[in-house]
Amino acid sequence: TRHAGILATFRLTTGGRDDILAIFNQI
């Protein structure tokens, strides 16, 4: 059930955690 309904996984690499979290929050 943990994997059920996942359409895709967005994977992102940047210089900092805050950048990733901000982008993911936009999504």
PDB file of all heavy atoms in Angstrom:
ATOM      1  N   THR A   1       0.823  -1.212   0.000  1.00  0.00           N
ATOM      2  CA  THR A   1       0.000   0.000   0.000  1.00  0.00           C
ATOM      3  C   THR A   1       0.859   1.266   0.000  1.00  0.00           C
ATOM      4  O   THR A   1       0.423   2.302  -0.485  1.00  0.00           O
ATOM      5  CB  THR A   1      -0.976   0.024   1.193  1.00  0.00           C
ATOM      6  OG1 THR A   1      -0.227  -0.105   2.407  1.00  0.00           O
ATOM      7  CG2 THR A   1      -1.987  -1.095   1.090  1.00  0.00           C
ATOM      8  N   ARG A   2       2.064   1.188   0.517  1.00  0.00           N
ATOM      9  CA  ARG A   2       2.971   2.336   0.508  1.00  0.00           C
ATOM     10  C   ARG A   2       3.283   2.751  -0.935  1.00  0.00           C
ATOM     11  O   ARG A   2       3.473   3.923  -1.229  1.00  0.00           O
ATOM     12  CB  ARG A   2       4.254   1.975   1.245  1.00  0.00           C
ATOM     13  CG  ARG A   2       5.230   3.118   1.403  1.00  0.00           C
ATOM     14  CD  ARG A   2       6.473   2.714   2.190  1.00  0.00           C
ATOM     15  NE  ARG A   2       6.151   2.084   3.455  1.00  0.00           N
ATOM     16  CZ  ARG A   2       6.466   0.834   3.780  1.00  0.00           C
ATOM     17  NH1 ARG A   2       7.136   0.075   2.946  1.00  0.00           N
ATOM     18  NH2 ARG A   2       6.129   0.320   4.945  1.00  0.00           N
ATOM     19  N   HIS A   3       3.331   1.796  -1.843  1.00  0.00           N
ATOM     20  CA  HIS A   3       3.659   2.079  -3.234  1.00  0.00           C
ATOM     21  C   HIS A   3       2.427   2.326  -4.104  1.00  0.00           C
ATOM     22  O   HIS A   3       2.549   2.781  -5.232  1.00  0.00           O
ATOM     23  CB  HIS A   3       4.457   0.912  -3.831  1.00  0.00           C
ATOM     24  CG  HIS A   3       5.802   0.748  -3.216  1.00  0.00           C
ATOM     25  ND1 HIS A   3       6.884   1.494  -3.591  1.00  0.00           N
ATOM     26  CD2 HIS A   3       6.230  -0.061  -2.215  1.00  0.00           C
ATOM     27  CE1 HIS A   3       7.933   1.149  -2.860  1.00  0.00           C
ATOM     28  NE2 HIS A   3       7.570   0.215  -2.024  1.00  0.00           N
ATOM     29  N   ALA A   4       1.254   2.044  -3.582  1.00  0.00           N
ATOM     30  CA  ALA A   4       0.025   2.165  -4.366  1.00  0.00           C
ATOM     31  C   ALA A   4      -0.262   3.620  -4.715  1.00  0.00           C
ATOM     32  O   ALA A   4      -0.111   4.514  -3.888  1.00  0.00           O
ATOM     33  CB  ALA A   4      -1.148   1.577  -3.590  1.00  0.00           C
ATOM     34  N   GLY A   5      -0.644   3.854  -5.941  1.00  0.00           N
ATOM     35  CA  GLY A   5      -1.070   5.180  -6.362  1.00  0.00           C
ATOM     36  C   GLY A   5       0.036   6.155  -6.710  1.00  0.00           C
ATOM     37  O   GLY A   5      -0.243   7.309  -7.024  1.00  0.00           O
ATOM     38  N   ILE A   6       1.273   5.741  -6.676  1.00  0.00           N
ATOM     39  CA  ILE A   6       2.367   6.641  -7.042  1.00  0.00           C
ATOM     40  C   ILE A   6       2.430   6.724  -8.563  1.00  0.00           C
ATOM     41  O   ILE A   6       2.550   5.709  -9.245  1.00  0.00           O
ATOM     42  CB  ILE A   6       3.714   6.161  -6.474  1.00  0.00           C
ATOM     43  CG1 ILE A   6       3.685   6.182  -4.944  1.00  0.00           C
ATOM     44  CG2 ILE A   6       4.863   7.028  -6.996  1.00  0.00           C
ATOM     45  CD1 ILE A   6       4.914   5.570  -4.296  1.00  0.00           C
ATOM     46  N   LEU A   7       2.331   7.939  -9.088  1.00  0.00           N
ATOM     47  CA  LEU A   7       2.416   8.143 -10.541  1.00  0.00           C
ATOM     48  C   LEU A   7       3.867   8.266 -10.993  1.00  0.00           C
ATOM     49  O   LEU A   7       4.229   7.827 -12.080  1.00  0.00           O
ATOM     50  CB  LEU A   7       1.644   9.405 -10.935  1.00  0.00           C
ATOM     51  CG  LEU A   7       0.161   9.422 -10.565  1.00  0.00           C
ATOM     52  CD1 LEU A   7      -0.453  10.768 -10.902  1.00  0.00           C
ATOM     53  CD2 LEU A   7      -0.566   8.293 -11.267  1.00  0.00           C
ATOM     54  N   ALA A   8       4.691   8.897 -10.168  1.00  0.00           N
ATOM     55  CA  ALA A   8       6.120   9.072 -10.457  1.00  0.00           C
ATOM     56  C   ALA A   8       6.782   9.612  -9.200  1.00  0.00           C
ATOM     57  O   ALA A   8       6.111  10.061  -8.270  1.00  0.00           O
ATOM     58  CB  ALA A   8       6.335  10.039 -11.614  1.00  0.00           C
ATOM     59  N   THR A   9       8.104   9.589  -9.174  1.00  0.00           N
ATOM     60  CA  THR A   9       8.873  10.199  -8.094  1.00  0.00           C
ATOM     61  C   THR A   9       9.750  11.285  -8.705  1.00  0.00           C
ATOM     62  O   THR A   9      10.534  11.022  -9.621  1.00  0.00           O
ATOM     63  CB  THR A   9       9.743   9.159  -7.365  1.00  0.00           C
ATOM     64  OG1 THR A   9       8.885   8.170  -6.797  1.00  0.00           O
ATOM     65  CG2 THR A   9      10.562   9.804  -6.262  1.00  0.00           C
ATOM     66  N   PHE A  10       9.583  12.508  -8.214  1.00  0.00           N
ATOM     67  CA  PHE A  10      10.380  13.650  -8.663  1.00  0.00           C
ATOM     68  C   PHE A  10      11.646  13.658  -7.820  1.00  0.00           C
ATOM     69  O   PHE A  10      11.603  13.789  -6.610  1.00  0.00           O
ATOM     70  CB  PHE A  10       9.572  14.932  -8.466  1.00  0.00           C
ATOM     71  CG  PHE A  10      10.256  16.210  -8.883  1.00  0.00           C
ATOM     72  CD1 PHE A  10      11.365  16.224  -9.707  1.00  0.00           C
ATOM     73  CD2 PHE A  10       9.753  17.422  -8.455  1.00  0.00           C
ATOM     74  CE1 PHE A  10      11.966  17.415 -10.095  1.00  0.00           C
ATOM     75  CE2 PHE A  10      10.343  18.621  -8.825  1.00  0.00           C
ATOM     76  CZ  PHE A  10      11.450  18.615  -9.641  1.00  0.00           C
ATOM     77  N   ARG A  11      12.803  13.483  -8.467  1.00  0.00           N
ATOM     78  CA  ARG A  11      14.106  13.440  -7.784  1.00  0.00           C
ATOM     79  C   ARG A  11      14.900  14.667  -8.189  1.00  0.00           C
ATOM     80  O   ARG A  11      15.032  14.967  -9.376  1.00  0.00           O
ATOM     81  CB  ARG A  11      14.835  12.159  -8.167  1.00  0.00           C
ATOM     82  CG  ARG A  11      16.125  11.946  -7.425  1.00  0.00           C
ATOM     83  CD  ARG A  11      16.687  10.579  -7.815  1.00  0.00           C
ATOM     84  NE  ARG A  11      17.921  10.304  -7.155  1.00  0.00           N
ATOM     85  CZ  ARG A  11      18.041   9.775  -5.947  1.00  0.00           C
ATOM     86  NH1 ARG A  11      16.977   9.464  -5.254  1.00  0.00           N
ATOM     87  NH2 ARG A  11      19.211   9.551  -5.423  1.00  0.00           N
ATOM     88  N   LEU A  12      15.434  15.363  -7.196  1.00  0.00           N
ATOM     89  CA  LEU A  12      16.113  16.636  -7.442  1.00  0.00           C
ATOM     90  C   LEU A  12      17.355  16.745  -6.581  1.00  0.00           C
ATOM     91  O   LEU A  12      17.329  16.412  -5.395  1.00  0.00           O
ATOM     92  CB  LEU A  12      15.140  17.778  -7.117  1.00  0.00           C
ATOM     93  CG  LEU A  12      15.595  19.201  -7.350  1.00  0.00           C
ATOM     94  CD1 LEU A  12      15.897  19.443  -8.825  1.00  0.00           C
ATOM     95  CD2 LEU A  12      14.522  20.173  -6.865  1.00  0.00           C
ATOM     96  N   THR A  13      18.455  17.207  -7.173  1.00  0.00           N
ATOM     97  CA  THR A  13      19.709  17.442  -6.465  1.00  0.00           C
ATOM     98  C   THR A  13      20.040  18.919  -6.552  1.00  0.00           C
ATOM     99  O   THR A  13      20.004  19.501  -7.645  1.00  0.00           O
ATOM    100  CB  THR A  13      20.858  16.625  -7.091  1.00  0.00           C
ATOM    101  OG1 THR A  13      20.514  15.241  -7.050  1.00  0.00           O
ATOM    102  CG2 THR A  13      22.165  16.843  -6.356  1.00  0.00           C
ATOM    103  N   THR A  14      20.347  19.532  -5.403  1.00  0.00           N
ATOM    104  CA  THR A  14      20.753  20.941  -5.365  1.00  0.00           C
ATOM    105  C   THR A  14      21.814  21.125  -4.291  1.00  0.00           C
ATOM    106  O   THR A  14      22.190  20.183  -3.606  1.00  0.00           O
ATOM    107  CB  THR A  14      19.565  21.886  -5.031  1.00  0.00           C
ATOM    108  OG1 THR A  14      19.163  21.658  -3.689  1.00  0.00           O
ATOM    109  CG2 THR A  14      18.406  21.702  -5.972  1.00  0.00           C
ATOM    110  N   GLY A  15      22.233  22.365  -4.133  1.00  0.00           N
ATOM    111  CA  GLY A  15      23.233  22.681  -3.123  1.00  0.00           C
ATOM    112  C   GLY A  15      22.703  22.648  -1.708  1.00  0.00           C
ATOM    113  O   GLY A  15      23.472  22.522  -0.765  1.00  0.00           O
ATOM    114  N   GLY A  16      21.386  22.776  -1.537  1.00  0.00           N
ATOM    115  CA  GLY A  16      20.869  22.826  -0.177  1.00  0.00           C
ATOM    116  C   GLY A  16      19.463  22.274  -0.025  1.00  0.00           C
ATOM    117  O   GLY A  16      18.649  22.311  -0.947  1.00  0.00           O
ATOM    118  N   ARG A  17      19.207  21.782   1.156  1.00  0.00           N
ATOM    119  CA  ARG A  17      17.924  21.176   1.500  1.00  0.00           C
ATOM    120  C   ARG A  17      16.773  22.161   1.367  1.00  0.00           C
ATOM    121  O   ARG A  17      15.693  21.799   0.895  1.00  0.00           O
ATOM    122  CB  ARG A  17      18.033  20.652   2.926  1.00  0.00           C
ATOM    123  CG  ARG A  17      16.818  20.005   3.466  1.00  0.00           C
ATOM    124  CD  ARG A  17      17.104  19.481   4.893  1.00  0.00           C
ATOM    125  NE  ARG A  17      15.881  19.187   5.559  1.00  0.00           N
ATOM    126  CZ  ARG A  17      15.260  20.013   6.406  1.00  0.00           C
ATOM    127  NH1 ARG A  17      15.774  21.182   6.681  1.00  0.00           N
ATOM    128  NH2 ARG A  17      14.136  19.651   6.971  1.00  0.00           N
ATOM    129  N   ASP A  18      16.960  23.401   1.789  1.00  0.00           N
ATOM    130  CA  ASP A  18      15.880  24.393   1.744  1.00  0.00           C
ATOM    131  C   ASP A  18      15.410  24.655   0.317  1.00  0.00           C
ATOM    132  O   ASP A  18      14.219  24.867   0.086  1.00  0.00           O
ATOM    133  CB  ASP A  18      16.308  25.694   2.419  1.00  0.00           C
ATOM    134  CG  ASP A  18      16.477  25.528   3.934  1.00  0.00           C
ATOM    135  OD1 ASP A  18      15.943  24.550   4.494  1.00  0.00           O
ATOM    136  OD2 ASP A  18      17.158  26.377   4.544  1.00  0.00           O
ATOM    137  N   ASP A  19      16.348  24.653  -0.633  1.00  0.00           N
ATOM    138  CA  ASP A  19      15.981  24.848  -2.043  1.00  0.00           C
ATOM    139  C   ASP A  19      15.042  23.734  -2.511  1.00  0.00           C
ATOM    140  O   ASP A  19      14.033  23.986  -3.172  1.00  0.00           O
ATOM    141  CB  ASP A  19      17.225  24.866  -2.937  1.00  0.00           C
ATOM    142  CG  ASP A  19      18.147  26.031  -2.631  1.00  0.00           C
ATOM    143  OD1 ASP A  19      17.662  27.063  -2.125  1.00  0.00           O
ATOM    144  OD2 ASP A  19      19.351  25.904  -2.912  1.00  0.00           O
ATOM    145  N   ILE A  20      15.393  22.508  -2.173  1.00  0.00           N
ATOM    146  CA  ILE A  20      14.577  21.365  -2.581  1.00  0.00           C
ATOM    147  C   ILE A  20      13.197  21.440  -1.945  1.00  0.00           C
ATOM    148  O   ILE A  20      12.181  21.255  -2.622  1.00  0.00           O
ATOM    149  CB  ILE A  20      15.269  20.032  -2.221  1.00  0.00           C
ATOM    150  CG1 ILE A  20      16.498  19.838  -3.103  1.00  0.00           C
ATOM    151  CG2 ILE A  20      14.308  18.849  -2.368  1.00  0.00           C
ATOM    152  CD1 ILE A  20      17.333  18.641  -2.754  1.00  0.00           C
ATOM    153  N   LEU A  21      13.152  21.719  -0.663  1.00  0.00           N
ATOM    154  CA  LEU A  21      11.861  21.776   0.019  1.00  0.00           C
ATOM    155  C   LEU A  21      10.972  22.879  -0.553  1.00  0.00           C
ATOM    156  O   LEU A  21       9.763  22.693  -0.701  1.00  0.00           O
ATOM    157  CB  LEU A  21      12.069  21.958   1.522  1.00  0.00           C
ATOM    158  CG  LEU A  21      12.701  20.750   2.225  1.00  0.00           C
ATOM    159  CD1 LEU A  21      12.975  21.068   3.697  1.00  0.00           C
ATOM    160  CD2 LEU A  21      11.822  19.521   2.102  1.00  0.00           C
ATOM    161  N   ALA A  22      11.553  24.020  -0.912  1.00  0.00           N
ATOM    162  CA  ALA A  22      10.770  25.105  -1.506  1.00  0.00           C
ATOM    163  C   ALA A  22      10.190  24.682  -2.858  1.00  0.00           C
ATOM    164  O   ALA A  22       9.015  24.939  -3.153  1.00  0.00           O
ATOM    165  CB  ALA A  22      11.635  26.357  -1.651  1.00  0.00           C
ATOM    166  N   ILE A  23      11.001  24.026  -3.668  1.00  0.00           N
ATOM    167  CA  ILE A  23      10.537  23.558  -4.984  1.00  0.00           C
ATOM    168  C   ILE A  23       9.453  22.495  -4.815  1.00  0.00           C
ATOM    169  O   ILE A  23       8.413  22.540  -5.467  1.00  0.00           O
ATOM    170  CB  ILE A  23      11.723  23.029  -5.817  1.00  0.00           C
ATOM    171  CG1 ILE A  23      12.659  24.187  -6.162  1.00  0.00           C
ATOM    172  CG2 ILE A  23      11.241  22.303  -7.066  1.00  0.00           C
ATOM    173  CD1 ILE A  23      14.043  23.760  -6.591  1.00  0.00           C
ATOM    174  N   PHE A  24       9.684  21.552  -3.923  1.00  0.00           N
ATOM    175  CA  PHE A  24       8.695  20.503  -3.694  1.00  0.00           C
ATOM    176  C   PHE A  24       7.381  21.093  -3.170  1.00  0.00           C
ATOM    177  O   PHE A  24       6.312  20.627  -3.527  1.00  0.00           O
ATOM    178  CB  PHE A  24       9.237  19.453  -2.736  1.00  0.00           C
ATOM    179  CG  PHE A  24      10.229  18.495  -3.357  1.00  0.00           C
ATOM    180  CD1 PHE A  24      10.846  17.531  -2.592  1.00  0.00           C
ATOM    181  CD2 PHE A  24      10.549  18.553  -4.711  1.00  0.00           C
ATOM    182  CE1 PHE A  24      11.752  16.632  -3.151  1.00  0.00           C
ATOM    183  CE2 PHE A  24      11.459  17.663  -5.278  1.00  0.00           C
ATOM    184  CZ  PHE A  24      12.051  16.701  -4.490  1.00  0.00           C
ATOM    185  N   ASN A  25       7.472  22.104  -2.323  1.00  0.00           N
ATOM    186  CA  ASN A  25       6.243  22.738  -1.832  1.00  0.00           C
ATOM    187  C   ASN A  25       5.479  23.411  -2.960  1.00  0.00           C
ATOM    188  O   ASN A  25       4.248  23.420  -2.952  1.00  0.00           O
ATOM    189  CB  ASN A  25       6.548  23.711  -0.704  1.00  0.00           C
ATOM    190  CG  ASN A  25       6.740  22.986   0.616  1.00  0.00           C
ATOM    191  OD1 ASN A  25       5.991  22.081   0.944  1.00  0.00           O
ATOM    192  ND2 ASN A  25       7.757  23.373   1.355  1.00  0.00           N
ATOM    193  N   GLN A  26       6.183  23.953  -3.959  1.00  0.00           N
ATOM    194  CA  GLN A  26       5.502  24.501  -5.138  1.00  0.00           C
ATOM    195  C   GLN A  26       4.727  23.403  -5.856  1.00  0.00           C
ATOM    196  O   GLN A  26       3.600  23.625  -6.299  1.00  0.00           O
ATOM    197  CB  GLN A  26       6.512  25.102  -6.125  1.00  0.00           C
ATOM    198  CG  GLN A  26       7.173  26.369  -5.683  1.00  0.00           C
ATOM    199  CD  GLN A  26       8.242  26.800  -6.687  1.00  0.00           C
ATOM    200  OE1 GLN A  26       8.323  26.275  -7.799  1.00  0.00           O
ATOM    201  NE2 GLN A  26       9.081  27.740  -6.288  1.00  0.00           N
ATOM    202  N   ILE A  27       5.343  22.248  -5.989  1.00  0.00           N
ATOM    203  CA  ILE A  27       4.701  21.128  -6.680  1.00  0.00           C
ATOM    204  C   ILE A  27       3.491  20.646  -5.875  1.00  0.00           C
ATOM    205  O   ILE A  27       2.412  20.438  -6.426  1.00  0.00           O
ATOM    206  CB  ILE A  27       5.691  19.955  -6.888  1.00  0.00           C
ATOM    207  CG1 ILE A  27       6.943  20.411  -7.646  1.00  0.00           C
ATOM    208  CG2 ILE A  27       5.005  18.774  -7.570  1.00  0.00           C
ATOM    209  CD1 ILE A  27       6.720  20.968  -9.007  1.00  0.00           C
TER     210      ILE A  27
END
